[in-house]
Amino acid sequence: MAGPPVLRARRLAAAGPRRESEPPLRLLFAGTPAPAVVSLEALLGSAHEVVAVLTRPDAPAGRGRRTSRSPVGERADAAGIPVLQPRSPREPEFLAQLADLRIDCAPVVAYGALVPPAALDVPAHGWVNLHFSLLPAWRGAAPVQHAVMAGDEVTGAATFQLEAGLDTGPVFGVVTEPIGPRDTAGHLLDRLAVSGAGLLVATLDGIADGSLRAEPQPAEGVSLAPRIQTEDARVDWALPAHVVDRRVRGVTPAPGAWTTFRGNRLRLAPVEPLTASLALEAGELSVGPTGVLVGTARGAVRLTEVQPAGKKVLAAADWARGARLEPGERLGEQGGA
């Protein structure tokens, strides 16, 4: 389980509970995907007032490609909160709306666009970003995925003051979270969304009562977490089994691990690394009593579920039976896309 939020500088634990006489903050909440909804819910239940929500514009989604609201936008609609959806937060119209809102602070959780310098200084207390890593580790768009792929044993969430640099602002507080040996990025993000929401509310409480000041990030330990592209999720069977395992888990559920078989794309659920030494070459398939195995540079992995292009998810054994594998066949042939 995650530990309690650790708030730097003046700790809220020492400051005691928030006093009723302290005025609540007027907030603009900026966020887009489902994990950000957890923080919005926490803020709606706090002493502070969410006066508007900033989210990405409605966009086509799903197989039908019908235009749909972001998860944060949908929750704001249900709560009767005004929703702002500029194509870019640099638009003069949005900047004018921001000034008219007279907000005290703008908490941000995975909004999905850069906040321009012209907007950063508008709220009295600036923009406070909830980031899902222990800064300065994993600055960037995909911190949870990169933490899993790197084999980190511990990660967490941090609240920091947004500034022009990429996740470089001073940190208010952190909460830690262990990474389990079978965690996917999705599992881990679900837990961080909850613990991070508590951290965000505690941070805003500390800002409101003046008990909290942000501290600069250390210069050491910086690592970057760029957005994961679909091509990045292609499995490289020439890596050791334990690396293949954590890379597959790191891109689950999105964008989703994949390889090729007989020239067509094959999506993969998390695999199970095997410690036994098997005489399989990288990508070579083997079907037996222990399941459907794939060779790597060192060791092998067991497939759990697969999804051929245009078809439903299948148990690996059912897929292999239907495919009628031939001896020596491999995953990962070049040419599939």
C-alpha atoms as a PDB file:
ATOM      1  CA  MET A   1       0.000   0.000   0.000  1.00  0.00           C
ATOM      2  CA  ALA A   2       1.068   3.567  -0.557  1.00  0.00           C
ATOM      3  CA  GLY A   3       2.296   5.516   2.418  1.00  0.00           C
ATOM      4  CA  PRO A   4       0.851   8.841   3.502  1.00  0.00           C
ATOM      5  CA  PRO A   5       1.705  11.937   1.479  1.00  0.00           C
ATOM      6  CA  VAL A   6       5.090  13.397   2.321  1.00  0.00           C
ATOM      7  CA  LEU A   7       4.873  17.166   2.008  1.00  0.00           C
ATOM      8  CA  ARG A   8       8.186  18.947   1.810  1.00  0.00           C
ATOM      9  CA  ALA A   9       9.331  22.156   3.503  1.00  0.00           C
ATOM     10  CA  ARG A  10       6.674  22.825   6.143  1.00  0.00           C
ATOM     11  CA  ARG A  11       4.830  19.528   6.530  1.00  0.00           C
ATOM     12  CA  LEU A  12       1.083  19.496   6.826  1.00  0.00           C
ATOM     13  CA  ALA A  13       1.310  16.826   9.513  1.00  0.00           C
ATOM     14  CA  ALA A  14       2.842  19.463  11.734  1.00  0.00           C
ATOM     15  CA  ALA A  15       0.367  22.093  10.634  1.00  0.00           C
ATOM     16  CA  GLY A  16      -2.596  20.056  11.883  1.00  0.00           C
ATOM     17  CA  PRO A  17      -6.055  19.799  10.328  1.00  0.00           C
ATOM     18  CA  ARG A  18      -7.338  22.508   8.059  1.00  0.00           C
ATOM     19  CA  ARG A  19      -9.292  25.158   9.964  1.00  0.00           C
ATOM     20  CA  GLU A  20     -12.822  25.998   8.903  1.00  0.00           C
ATOM     21  CA  SER A  21     -11.952  29.711   8.954  1.00  0.00           C
ATOM     22  CA  GLU A  22      -9.437  29.277   6.165  1.00  0.00           C
ATOM     23  CA  PRO A  23     -11.021  30.401   2.879  1.00  0.00           C
ATOM     24  CA  PRO A  24     -11.294  27.699   0.218  1.00  0.00           C
ATOM     25  CA  LEU A  25      -9.399  28.098  -3.038  1.00  0.00           C
ATOM     26  CA  ARG A  26     -11.204  28.828  -6.296  1.00  0.00           C
ATOM     27  CA  LEU A  27      -9.859  26.212  -8.708  1.00  0.00           C
ATOM     28  CA  LEU A  28      -9.657  25.558 -12.420  1.00  0.00           C
ATOM     29  CA  PHE A  29      -9.073  21.820 -12.779  1.00  0.00           C
ATOM     30  CA  ALA A  30      -7.128  20.772 -15.887  1.00  0.00           C
ATOM     31  CA  GLY A  31      -7.206  17.104 -16.902  1.00  0.00           C
ATOM     32  CA  THR A  32      -8.371  14.741 -19.619  1.00  0.00           C
ATOM     33  CA  PRO A  33      -8.139  10.913 -19.165  1.00  0.00           C
ATOM     34  CA  ALA A  34      -9.865   8.611 -16.698  1.00  0.00           C
ATOM     35  CA  PRO A  35      -7.061   8.624 -14.064  1.00  0.00           C
ATOM     36  CA  ALA A  36      -7.519  12.384 -13.742  1.00  0.00           C
ATOM     37  CA  VAL A  37     -11.192  11.914 -12.832  1.00  0.00           C
ATOM     38  CA  VAL A  38     -10.101  10.470  -9.480  1.00  0.00           C
ATOM     39  CA  SER A  39      -8.441  13.772  -8.580  1.00  0.00           C
ATOM     40  CA  LEU A  40     -11.427  15.783  -9.805  1.00  0.00           C
ATOM     41  CA  GLU A  41     -13.709  13.679  -7.585  1.00  0.00           C
ATOM     42  CA  ALA A  42     -11.423  14.284  -4.600  1.00  0.00           C
ATOM     43  CA  LEU A  43     -11.440  18.031  -5.200  1.00  0.00           C
ATOM     44  CA  LEU A  44     -15.225  18.092  -5.555  1.00  0.00           C
ATOM     45  CA  GLY A  45     -15.388  16.522  -2.100  1.00  0.00           C
ATOM     46  CA  SER A  46     -12.847  18.920  -0.585  1.00  0.00           C
ATOM     47  CA  ALA A  47     -13.260  22.339   0.990  1.00  0.00           C
ATOM     48  CA  HIS A  48     -12.143  23.996  -2.246  1.00  0.00           C
ATOM     49  CA  GLU A  49     -14.383  25.144  -5.110  1.00  0.00           C
ATOM     50  CA  VAL A  50     -13.885  23.851  -8.643  1.00  0.00           C
ATOM     51  CA  VAL A  51     -15.307  26.718 -10.702  1.00  0.00           C
ATOM     52  CA  ALA A  52     -14.400  25.319 -14.144  1.00  0.00           C
ATOM     53  CA  VAL A  53     -12.665  22.419 -15.874  1.00  0.00           C
ATOM     54  CA  LEU A  54     -10.110  22.606 -18.668  1.00  0.00           C
ATOM     55  CA  THR A  55      -9.881  19.503 -20.866  1.00  0.00           C
ATOM     56  CA  ARG A  56      -8.915  18.507 -24.391  1.00  0.00           C
ATOM     57  CA  PRO A  57     -11.487  19.028 -27.160  1.00  0.00           C
ATOM     58  CA  ASP A  58     -14.021  16.321 -27.982  1.00  0.00           C
ATOM     59  CA  ALA A  59     -12.471  13.794 -30.361  1.00  0.00           C
ATOM     60  CA  PRO A  60     -13.413  10.656 -32.329  1.00  0.00           C
ATOM     61  CA  ALA A  61     -13.098   7.476 -30.263  1.00  0.00           C
ATOM     62  CA  GLY A  62     -13.922   3.788 -30.512  1.00  0.00           C
ATOM     63  CA  ARG A  63     -14.561   1.663 -33.566  1.00  0.00           C
ATOM     64  CA  GLY A  64     -17.376   3.893 -34.755  1.00  0.00           C
ATOM     65  CA  ARG A  65     -15.100   6.941 -34.418  1.00  0.00           C
ATOM     66  CA  ARG A  66     -17.948   8.905 -32.914  1.00  0.00           C
ATOM     67  CA  THR A  67     -17.043  12.204 -31.311  1.00  0.00           C
ATOM     68  CA  SER A  68     -16.927  11.837 -27.552  1.00  0.00           C
ATOM     69  CA  ARG A  69     -16.177  13.899 -24.464  1.00  0.00           C
ATOM     70  CA  SER A  70     -13.069  13.217 -22.420  1.00  0.00           C
ATOM     71  CA  PRO A  71     -13.657  11.331 -19.133  1.00  0.00           C
ATOM     72  CA  VAL A  72     -12.895  14.527 -17.191  1.00  0.00           C
ATOM     73  CA  GLY A  73     -15.286  16.510 -19.394  1.00  0.00           C
ATOM     74  CA  GLU A  74     -18.049  13.967 -18.816  1.00  0.00           C
ATOM     75  CA  ARG A  75     -17.604  14.134 -15.044  1.00  0.00           C
ATOM     76  CA  ALA A  76     -17.644  17.927 -15.121  1.00  0.00           C
ATOM     77  CA  ASP A  77     -20.880  17.877 -17.146  1.00  0.00           C
ATOM     78  CA  ALA A  78     -22.466  15.550 -14.565  1.00  0.00           C
ATOM     79  CA  ALA A  79     -21.430  17.922 -11.775  1.00  0.00           C
ATOM     80  CA  GLY A  80     -22.738  20.986 -13.637  1.00  0.00           C
ATOM     81  CA  ILE A  81     -19.274  22.554 -13.899  1.00  0.00           C
ATOM     82  CA  PRO A  82     -18.418  24.733 -16.934  1.00  0.00           C
ATOM     83  CA  VAL A  83     -16.038  22.981 -19.353  1.00  0.00           C
ATOM     84  CA  LEU A  84     -13.378  24.819 -21.358  1.00  0.00           C
ATOM     85  CA  GLN A  85     -11.983  23.029 -24.434  1.00  0.00           C
ATOM     86  CA  PRO A  86      -9.647  25.304 -26.390  1.00  0.00           C
ATOM     87  CA  ARG A  87      -7.728  23.723 -29.257  1.00  0.00           C
ATOM     88  CA  SER A  88      -4.709  25.237 -27.553  1.00  0.00           C
ATOM     89  CA  PRO A  89      -4.398  26.979 -24.170  1.00  0.00           C
ATOM     90  CA  ARG A  90      -2.450  29.652 -26.055  1.00  0.00           C
ATOM     91  CA  GLU A  91      -5.637  30.932 -27.681  1.00  0.00           C
ATOM     92  CA  PRO A  92      -6.410  34.547 -26.687  1.00  0.00           C
ATOM     93  CA  GLU A  93     -10.043  33.611 -26.046  1.00  0.00           C
ATOM     94  CA  PHE A  94      -9.016  31.007 -23.470  1.00  0.00           C
ATOM     95  CA  LEU A  95      -6.559  33.377 -21.794  1.00  0.00           C
ATOM     96  CA  ALA A  96      -9.360  35.935 -21.465  1.00  0.00           C
ATOM     97  CA  GLN A  97     -11.680  33.275 -19.968  1.00  0.00           C
ATOM     98  CA  LEU A  98      -8.940  32.282 -17.539  1.00  0.00           C
ATOM     99  CA  ALA A  99      -8.558  35.853 -16.325  1.00  0.00           C
ATOM    100  CA  ASP A 100     -12.339  36.248 -15.941  1.00  0.00           C
ATOM    101  CA  LEU A 101     -12.566  33.150 -13.709  1.00  0.00           C
ATOM    102  CA  ARG A 102     -10.507  34.853 -10.965  1.00  0.00           C
ATOM    103  CA  ILE A 103      -9.132  31.524  -9.774  1.00  0.00           C
ATOM    104  CA  ASP A 104      -6.635  31.108  -6.958  1.00  0.00           C
ATOM    105  CA  CYS A 105      -4.952  27.973  -8.320  1.00  0.00           C
ATOM    106  CA  ALA A 106      -5.112  25.545 -11.246  1.00  0.00           C
ATOM    107  CA  PRO A 107      -4.429  21.887 -10.337  1.00  0.00           C
ATOM    108  CA  VAL A 108      -3.347  19.814 -13.357  1.00  0.00           C
ATOM    109  CA  VAL A 109      -3.548  16.038 -13.821  1.00  0.00           C
ATOM    110  CA  ALA A 110      -2.638  14.660 -17.276  1.00  0.00           C
ATOM    111  CA  TYR A 111      -4.200  17.560 -19.192  1.00  0.00           C
ATOM    112  CA  GLY A 112      -2.341  16.672 -22.391  1.00  0.00           C
ATOM    113  CA  ALA A 113      -1.166  20.078 -23.634  1.00  0.00           C
ATOM    114  CA  LEU A 114       1.515  22.535 -22.594  1.00  0.00           C
ATOM    115  CA  VAL A 115       0.349  25.479 -20.512  1.00  0.00           C
ATOM    116  CA  PRO A 116       1.840  28.645 -22.044  1.00  0.00           C
ATOM    117  CA  PRO A 117       3.833  31.184 -20.000  1.00  0.00           C
ATOM    118  CA  ALA A 118       1.034  33.708 -20.500  1.00  0.00           C
ATOM    119  CA  ALA A 119      -1.283  31.488 -18.447  1.00  0.00           C
ATOM    120  CA  LEU A 120       1.121  30.332 -15.740  1.00  0.00           C
ATOM    121  CA  ASP A 121       1.038  33.546 -13.729  1.00  0.00           C
ATOM    122  CA  VAL A 122      -2.703  34.196 -13.951  1.00  0.00           C
ATOM    123  CA  PRO A 123      -3.787  32.234 -10.820  1.00  0.00           C
ATOM    124  CA  ALA A 124      -2.524  33.737  -7.560  1.00  0.00           C
ATOM    125  CA  HIS A 125      -0.928  30.402  -6.580  1.00  0.00           C
ATOM    126  CA  GLY A 126      -0.043  29.295 -10.093  1.00  0.00           C
ATOM    127  CA  TRP A 127      -0.620  25.833 -11.578  1.00  0.00           C
ATOM    128  CA  VAL A 128       0.014  22.751  -9.411  1.00  0.00           C
ATOM    129  CA  ASN A 129       0.738  19.586 -11.373  1.00  0.00           C
ATOM    130  CA  LEU A 130       0.192  16.057 -10.054  1.00  0.00           C
ATOM    131  CA  HIS A 131       2.807  13.916 -11.799  1.00  0.00           C
ATOM    132  CA  PHE A 132       2.988  10.138 -11.478  1.00  0.00           C
ATOM    133  CA  SER A 133       6.663   9.723 -10.596  1.00  0.00           C
ATOM    134  CA  LEU A 134       9.121  10.657  -7.868  1.00  0.00           C
ATOM    135  CA  LEU A 135      10.603  13.722  -9.517  1.00  0.00           C
ATOM    136  CA  PRO A 136      13.167  14.320 -10.898  1.00  0.00           C
ATOM    137  CA  ALA A 137      12.853  10.706 -12.048  1.00  0.00           C
ATOM    138  CA  TRP A 138      10.772  10.095 -15.167  1.00  0.00           C
ATOM    139  CA  ARG A 139       9.962  13.579 -16.353  1.00  0.00           C
ATOM    140  CA  GLY A 140       7.666  13.439 -19.350  1.00  0.00           C
ATOM    141  CA  ALA A 141       4.423  12.053 -20.723  1.00  0.00           C
ATOM    142  CA  ALA A 142       4.743   8.367 -19.756  1.00  0.00           C
ATOM    143  CA  PRO A 143       6.336   8.095 -16.291  1.00  0.00           C
ATOM    144  CA  VAL A 144       4.396   5.026 -15.148  1.00  0.00           C
ATOM    145  CA  GLN A 145       5.125   3.039 -18.309  1.00  0.00           C
ATOM    146  CA  HIS A 146       8.831   3.830 -18.165  1.00  0.00           C
ATOM    147  CA  ALA A 147       9.084   2.972 -14.458  1.00  0.00           C
ATOM    148  CA  VAL A 148       7.648  -0.498 -15.130  1.00  0.00           C
ATOM    149  CA  MET A 149       9.781  -1.061 -18.230  1.00  0.00           C
ATOM    150  CA  ALA A 150      12.936  -0.020 -16.376  1.00  0.00           C
ATOM    151  CA  GLY A 151      12.283  -2.540 -13.616  1.00  0.00           C
ATOM    152  CA  ASP A 152      11.967   0.064 -10.861  1.00  0.00           C
ATOM    153  CA  GLU A 153      10.879  -1.391  -7.538  1.00  0.00           C
ATOM    154  CA  VAL A 154       9.373   1.835  -6.171  1.00  0.00           C
ATOM    155  CA  THR A 155       7.721   4.819  -7.807  1.00  0.00           C
ATOM    156  CA  GLY A 156       5.135   7.334  -6.653  1.00  0.00           C
ATOM    157  CA  ALA A 157       3.465  10.644  -7.352  1.00  0.00           C
ATOM    158  CA  ALA A 158       4.584  14.230  -6.823  1.00  0.00           C
ATOM    159  CA  THR A 159       2.897  17.611  -6.754  1.00  0.00           C
ATOM    160  CA  PHE A 160       4.949  20.477  -8.127  1.00  0.00           C
ATOM    161  CA  GLN A 161       4.667  24.068  -9.286  1.00  0.00           C
ATOM    162  CA  LEU A 162       4.238  24.142 -13.038  1.00  0.00           C
ATOM    163  CA  GLU A 163       6.787  26.231 -14.930  1.00  0.00           C
ATOM    164  CA  ALA A 164       8.018  26.522 -18.505  1.00  0.00           C
ATOM    165  CA  GLY A 165      10.434  23.550 -18.258  1.00  0.00           C
ATOM    166  CA  LEU A 166       9.336  19.924 -18.700  1.00  0.00           C
ATOM    167  CA  ASP A 167       8.314  18.809 -15.174  1.00  0.00           C
ATOM    168  CA  THR A 168      11.158  20.853 -13.688  1.00  0.00           C
ATOM    169  CA  GLY A 169       9.262  22.959 -11.152  1.00  0.00           C
ATOM    170  CA  PRO A 170       9.761  22.913  -7.375  1.00  0.00           C
ATOM    171  CA  VAL A 171       8.078  20.035  -5.546  1.00  0.00           C
ATOM    172  CA  PHE A 172       5.447  20.388  -2.816  1.00  0.00           C
ATOM    173  CA  GLY A 173       5.195  16.744  -1.799  1.00  0.00           C
ATOM    174  CA  VAL A 174       5.394  13.105  -2.777  1.00  0.00           C
ATOM    175  CA  VAL A 175       3.720   9.779  -2.060  1.00  0.00           C
ATOM    176  CA  THR A 176       5.460   6.470  -2.749  1.00  0.00           C
ATOM    177  CA  GLU A 177       4.114   3.254  -4.246  1.00  0.00           C
ATOM    178  CA  PRO A 178       5.867  -0.133  -4.636  1.00  0.00           C
ATOM    179  CA  ILE A 179       5.860  -1.769  -8.064  1.00  0.00           C
ATOM    180  CA  GLY A 180       4.870  -5.428  -7.836  1.00  0.00           C
ATOM    181  CA  PRO A 181       6.545  -8.101  -9.964  1.00  0.00           C
ATOM    182  CA  ARG A 182       3.364  -8.614 -12.024  1.00  0.00           C
ATOM    183  CA  ASP A 183       2.130  -5.016 -12.122  1.00  0.00           C
ATOM    184  CA  THR A 184       1.188  -3.615 -15.495  1.00  0.00           C
ATOM    185  CA  ALA A 185       1.334   0.104 -16.172  1.00  0.00           C
ATOM    186  CA  GLY A 186      -2.463   0.117 -15.950  1.00  0.00           C
ATOM    187  CA  HIS A 187      -2.565  -1.533 -12.530  1.00  0.00           C
ATOM    188  CA  LEU A 188       0.062   0.825 -11.175  1.00  0.00           C
ATOM    189  CA  LEU A 189      -1.580   3.932 -12.606  1.00  0.00           C
ATOM    190  CA  ASP A 190      -4.903   2.964 -11.023  1.00  0.00           C
ATOM    191  CA  ARG A 191      -3.265   2.900  -7.580  1.00  0.00           C
ATOM    192  CA  LEU A 192      -1.299   6.105  -8.163  1.00  0.00           C
ATOM    193  CA  ALA A 193      -4.446   7.903  -9.297  1.00  0.00           C
ATOM    194  CA  VAL A 194      -5.965   7.255  -5.866  1.00  0.00           C
ATOM    195  CA  SER A 195      -2.949   8.046  -3.689  1.00  0.00           C
ATOM    196  CA  GLY A 196      -2.063  10.994  -5.912  1.00  0.00           C
ATOM    197  CA  ALA A 197      -5.533  12.474  -5.531  1.00  0.00           C
ATOM    198  CA  GLY A 198      -5.081  12.521  -1.759  1.00  0.00           C
ATOM    199  CA  LEU A 199      -1.691  14.157  -2.183  1.00  0.00           C
ATOM    200  CA  LEU A 200      -3.156  16.824  -4.474  1.00  0.00           C
ATOM    201  CA  VAL A 201      -5.896  17.764  -1.993  1.00  0.00           C
ATOM    202  CA  ALA A 202      -3.376  17.887   0.870  1.00  0.00           C
ATOM    203  CA  THR A 203      -1.097  20.083  -1.222  1.00  0.00           C
ATOM    204  CA  LEU A 204      -3.876  22.562  -1.984  1.00  0.00           C
ATOM    205  CA  ASP A 205      -4.852  22.607   1.698  1.00  0.00           C
ATOM    206  CA  GLY A 206      -1.250  23.475   2.581  1.00  0.00           C
ATOM    207  CA  ILE A 207      -1.122  26.224  -0.032  1.00  0.00           C
ATOM    208  CA  ALA A 208      -4.410  27.652   1.226  1.00  0.00           C
ATOM    209  CA  ASP A 209      -3.338  27.862   4.871  1.00  0.00           C
ATOM    210  CA  GLY A 210       0.201  29.000   4.062  1.00  0.00           C
ATOM    211  CA  SER A 211       1.860  26.003   5.718  1.00  0.00           C
ATOM    212  CA  LEU A 212       3.468  24.652   2.554  1.00  0.00           C
ATOM    213  CA  ARG A 213       6.242  25.872   0.277  1.00  0.00           C
ATOM    214  CA  ALA A 214       7.682  24.030  -2.696  1.00  0.00           C
ATOM    215  CA  GLU A 215      11.346  23.017  -2.766  1.00  0.00           C
ATOM    216  CA  PRO A 216      13.585  22.852  -5.866  1.00  0.00           C
ATOM    217  CA  GLN A 217      14.113  19.432  -7.398  1.00  0.00           C
ATOM    218  CA  PRO A 218      17.562  17.891  -6.887  1.00  0.00           C
ATOM    219  CA  ALA A 219      19.943  18.171  -9.815  1.00  0.00           C
ATOM    220  CA  GLU A 220      20.803  14.459  -9.631  1.00  0.00           C
ATOM    221  CA  GLY A 221      18.614  11.524 -10.638  1.00  0.00           C
ATOM    222  CA  VAL A 222      16.945  13.094 -13.669  1.00  0.00           C
ATOM    223  CA  SER A 223      15.454  10.614 -16.167  1.00  0.00           C
ATOM    224  CA  LEU A 224      13.083  11.180 -19.072  1.00  0.00           C
ATOM    225  CA  ALA A 225       9.846   9.385 -19.958  1.00  0.00           C
ATOM    226  CA  PRO A 226       8.803  10.309 -23.503  1.00  0.00           C
ATOM    227  CA  ARG A 227       5.414   9.279 -24.856  1.00  0.00           C
ATOM    228  CA  ILE A 228       5.207   5.606 -25.839  1.00  0.00           C
ATOM    229  CA  GLN A 229       4.457   5.164 -29.543  1.00  0.00           C
ATOM    230  CA  THR A 230       2.931   2.056 -31.106  1.00  0.00           C
ATOM    231  CA  GLU A 231       6.262   1.061 -32.645  1.00  0.00           C
ATOM    232  CA  ASP A 232       7.867   1.254 -29.178  1.00  0.00           C
ATOM    233  CA  ALA A 233       5.467  -1.488 -28.039  1.00  0.00           C
ATOM    234  CA  ARG A 234       6.742  -4.001 -30.594  1.00  0.00           C
ATOM    235  CA  VAL A 235       8.399  -6.879 -28.692  1.00  0.00           C
ATOM    236  CA  ASP A 236      12.087  -7.441 -29.332  1.00  0.00           C
ATOM    237  CA  TRP A 237      12.650 -11.153 -28.749  1.00  0.00           C
ATOM    238  CA  ALA A 238      16.429 -10.594 -28.852  1.00  0.00           C
ATOM    239  CA  LEU A 239      16.207  -9.220 -25.309  1.00  0.00           C
ATOM    240  CA  PRO A 240      16.392 -11.385 -22.157  1.00  0.00           C
ATOM    241  CA  ALA A 241      13.152 -12.891 -20.867  1.00  0.00           C
ATOM    242  CA  HIS A 242      12.946 -10.639 -17.780  1.00  0.00           C
ATOM    243  CA  VAL A 243      13.327  -7.528 -19.948  1.00  0.00           C
ATOM    244  CA  VAL A 244      10.664  -8.720 -22.412  1.00  0.00           C
ATOM    245  CA  ASP A 245       8.341  -9.343 -19.460  1.00  0.00           C
ATOM    246  CA  ARG A 246       8.611  -5.887 -17.950  1.00  0.00           C
ATOM    247  CA  ARG A 247       8.463  -4.151 -21.329  1.00  0.00           C
ATOM    248  CA  VAL A 248       5.232  -5.942 -22.169  1.00  0.00           C
ATOM    249  CA  ARG A 249       3.787  -5.026 -18.770  1.00  0.00           C
ATOM    250  CA  GLY A 250       4.953  -1.446 -19.249  1.00  0.00           C
ATOM    251  CA  VAL A 251       2.878  -0.956 -22.400  1.00  0.00           C
ATOM    252  CA  THR A 252      -0.213  -2.743 -21.030  1.00  0.00           C
ATOM    253  CA  PRO A 253      -2.965  -1.702 -21.569  1.00  0.00           C
ATOM    254  CA  ALA A 254      -1.857   1.097 -23.895  1.00  0.00           C
ATOM    255  CA  PRO A 255      -0.608   1.161 -26.546  1.00  0.00           C
ATOM    256  CA  GLY A 256      -0.438  -2.633 -26.065  1.00  0.00           C
ATOM    257  CA  ALA A 257       2.430  -5.022 -26.748  1.00  0.00           C
ATOM    258  CA  TRP A 258       2.558  -6.652 -30.164  1.00  0.00           C
ATOM    259  CA  THR A 259       4.656  -8.834 -32.402  1.00  0.00           C
ATOM    260  CA  THR A 260       4.152 -10.455 -35.805  1.00  0.00           C
ATOM    261  CA  PHE A 261       3.253 -13.996 -36.811  1.00  0.00           C
ATOM    262  CA  ARG A 262       3.206 -15.154 -40.405  1.00  0.00           C
ATOM    263  CA  GLY A 263       3.423 -11.521 -41.470  1.00  0.00           C
ATOM    264  CA  ASN A 264       0.410 -10.299 -39.468  1.00  0.00           C
ATOM    265  CA  ARG A 265       0.257  -8.359 -36.236  1.00  0.00           C
ATOM    266  CA  LEU A 266      -0.389 -10.257 -33.015  1.00  0.00           C
ATOM    267  CA  ARG A 267      -1.198  -8.382 -29.814  1.00  0.00           C
ATOM    268  CA  LEU A 268       0.083  -9.825 -26.552  1.00  0.00           C
ATOM    269  CA  ALA A 269      -1.222  -9.779 -22.981  1.00  0.00           C
ATOM    270  CA  PRO A 270       1.437  -9.823 -20.227  1.00  0.00           C
ATOM    271  CA  VAL A 271       3.781 -12.783 -20.544  1.00  0.00           C
ATOM    272  CA  GLU A 272       5.311 -14.971 -17.830  1.00  0.00           C
ATOM    273  CA  PRO A 273       9.123 -15.206 -17.732  1.00  0.00           C
ATOM    274  CA  LEU A 274      10.564 -18.670 -17.146  1.00  0.00           C
ATOM    275  CA  THR A 275      13.721 -19.354 -15.209  1.00  0.00           C
ATOM    276  CA  ALA A 276      14.361 -22.779 -16.762  1.00  0.00           C
ATOM    277  CA  SER A 277      16.894 -22.871 -19.586  1.00  0.00           C
ATOM    278  CA  LEU A 278      15.248 -23.926 -22.857  1.00  0.00           C
ATOM    279  CA  ALA A 279      16.814 -24.624 -26.224  1.00  0.00           C
ATOM    280  CA  LEU A 280      14.771 -21.995 -28.076  1.00  0.00           C
ATOM    281  CA  GLU A 281      16.120 -19.258 -30.285  1.00  0.00           C
ATOM    282  CA  ALA A 282      14.854 -15.679 -30.032  1.00  0.00           C
ATOM    283  CA  GLY A 283      11.217 -15.624 -31.128  1.00  0.00           C
ATOM    284  CA  GLU A 284      10.986 -19.396 -31.634  1.00  0.00           C
ATOM    285  CA  LEU A 285       7.674 -20.939 -30.581  1.00  0.00           C
ATOM    286  CA  SER A 286       7.197 -24.163 -28.657  1.00  0.00           C
ATOM    287  CA  VAL A 287       3.923 -25.771 -27.573  1.00  0.00           C
ATOM    288  CA  GLY A 288       3.859 -28.373 -24.843  1.00  0.00           C
ATOM    289  CA  PRO A 289       2.467 -29.345 -21.439  1.00  0.00           C
ATOM    290  CA  THR A 290       3.766 -26.078 -19.901  1.00  0.00           C
ATOM    291  CA  GLY A 291       1.990 -23.891 -22.448  1.00  0.00           C
ATOM    292  CA  VAL A 292       2.970 -21.793 -25.446  1.00  0.00           C
ATOM    293  CA  LEU A 293       6.572 -20.692 -24.981  1.00  0.00           C
ATOM    294  CA  VAL A 294       8.673 -18.157 -26.884  1.00  0.00           C
ATOM    295  CA  GLY A 295      12.462 -18.034 -26.845  1.00  0.00           C
ATOM    296  CA  THR A 296      14.376 -14.864 -26.027  1.00  0.00           C
ATOM    297  CA  ALA A 297      18.048 -13.917 -25.902  1.00  0.00           C
ATOM    298  CA  ARG A 298      18.224 -15.565 -22.482  1.00  0.00           C
ATOM    299  CA  GLY A 299      15.449 -17.809 -21.233  1.00  0.00           C
ATOM    300  CA  ALA A 300      11.879 -17.977 -22.485  1.00  0.00           C
ATOM    301  CA  VAL A 301       8.456 -16.532 -21.735  1.00  0.00           C
ATOM    302  CA  ARG A 302       5.043 -18.152 -21.610  1.00  0.00           C
ATOM    303  CA  LEU A 303       2.258 -16.509 -23.603  1.00  0.00           C
ATOM    304  CA  THR A 304      -1.009 -16.006 -21.703  1.00  0.00           C
ATOM    305  CA  GLU A 305      -3.446 -14.401 -24.147  1.00  0.00           C
ATOM    306  CA  VAL A 306      -3.070 -13.141 -27.696  1.00  0.00           C
ATOM    307  CA  GLN A 307      -5.199 -11.221 -30.174  1.00  0.00           C
ATOM    308  CA  PRO A 308      -4.684 -11.752 -33.891  1.00  0.00           C
ATOM    309  CA  ALA A 309      -5.403  -8.741 -36.115  1.00  0.00           C
ATOM    310  CA  GLY A 310      -9.147  -8.203 -36.523  1.00  0.00           C
ATOM    311  CA  LYS A 311     -10.060 -11.041 -34.144  1.00  0.00           C
ATOM    312  CA  LYS A 312     -11.023 -11.492 -30.501  1.00  0.00           C
ATOM    313  CA  VAL A 313      -8.661 -12.184 -27.603  1.00  0.00           C
ATOM    314  CA  LEU A 314      -7.769 -15.875 -27.274  1.00  0.00           C
ATOM    315  CA  ALA A 315      -6.020 -18.011 -24.689  1.00  0.00           C
ATOM    316  CA  ALA A 316      -2.558 -18.708 -26.068  1.00  0.00           C
ATOM    317  CA  ALA A 317      -3.163 -22.475 -26.161  1.00  0.00           C
ATOM    318  CA  ASP A 318      -6.384 -22.022 -28.175  1.00  0.00           C
ATOM    319  CA  TRP A 319      -4.617 -19.701 -30.601  1.00  0.00           C
ATOM    320  CA  ALA A 320      -1.733 -22.132 -31.078  1.00  0.00           C
ATOM    321  CA  ARG A 321      -4.136 -25.019 -31.658  1.00  0.00           C
ATOM    322  CA  GLY A 322      -6.021 -23.098 -34.315  1.00  0.00           C
ATOM    323  CA  ALA A 323      -2.840 -21.837 -35.976  1.00  0.00           C
ATOM    324  CA  ARG A 324      -1.438 -25.370 -36.284  1.00  0.00           C
ATOM    325  CA  LEU A 325       2.105 -24.259 -35.538  1.00  0.00           C
ATOM    326  CA  GLU A 326       4.900 -25.867 -37.494  1.00  0.00           C
ATOM    327  CA  PRO A 327       8.258 -26.796 -35.919  1.00  0.00           C
ATOM    328  CA  GLY A 328      10.673 -23.865 -35.817  1.00  0.00           C
ATOM    329  CA  GLU A 329       8.075 -21.149 -36.456  1.00  0.00           C
ATOM    330  CA  ARG A 330       8.844 -17.806 -34.868  1.00  0.00           C
ATOM    331  CA  LEU A 331       7.252 -14.617 -33.694  1.00  0.00           C
ATOM    332  CA  GLY A 332       8.603 -11.279 -34.792  1.00  0.00           C
ATOM    333  CA  GLU A 333       9.239 -11.750 -38.494  1.00  0.00           C
ATOM    334  CA  GLN A 334       9.897  -8.473 -40.256  1.00  0.00           C
ATOM    335  CA  GLY A 335       7.234  -7.102 -42.560  1.00  0.00           C
ATOM    336  CA  GLY A 336       4.150  -7.163 -40.343  1.00  0.00           C
ATOM    337  CA  ALA A 337       2.720  -3.793 -39.304  1.00  0.00           C
END
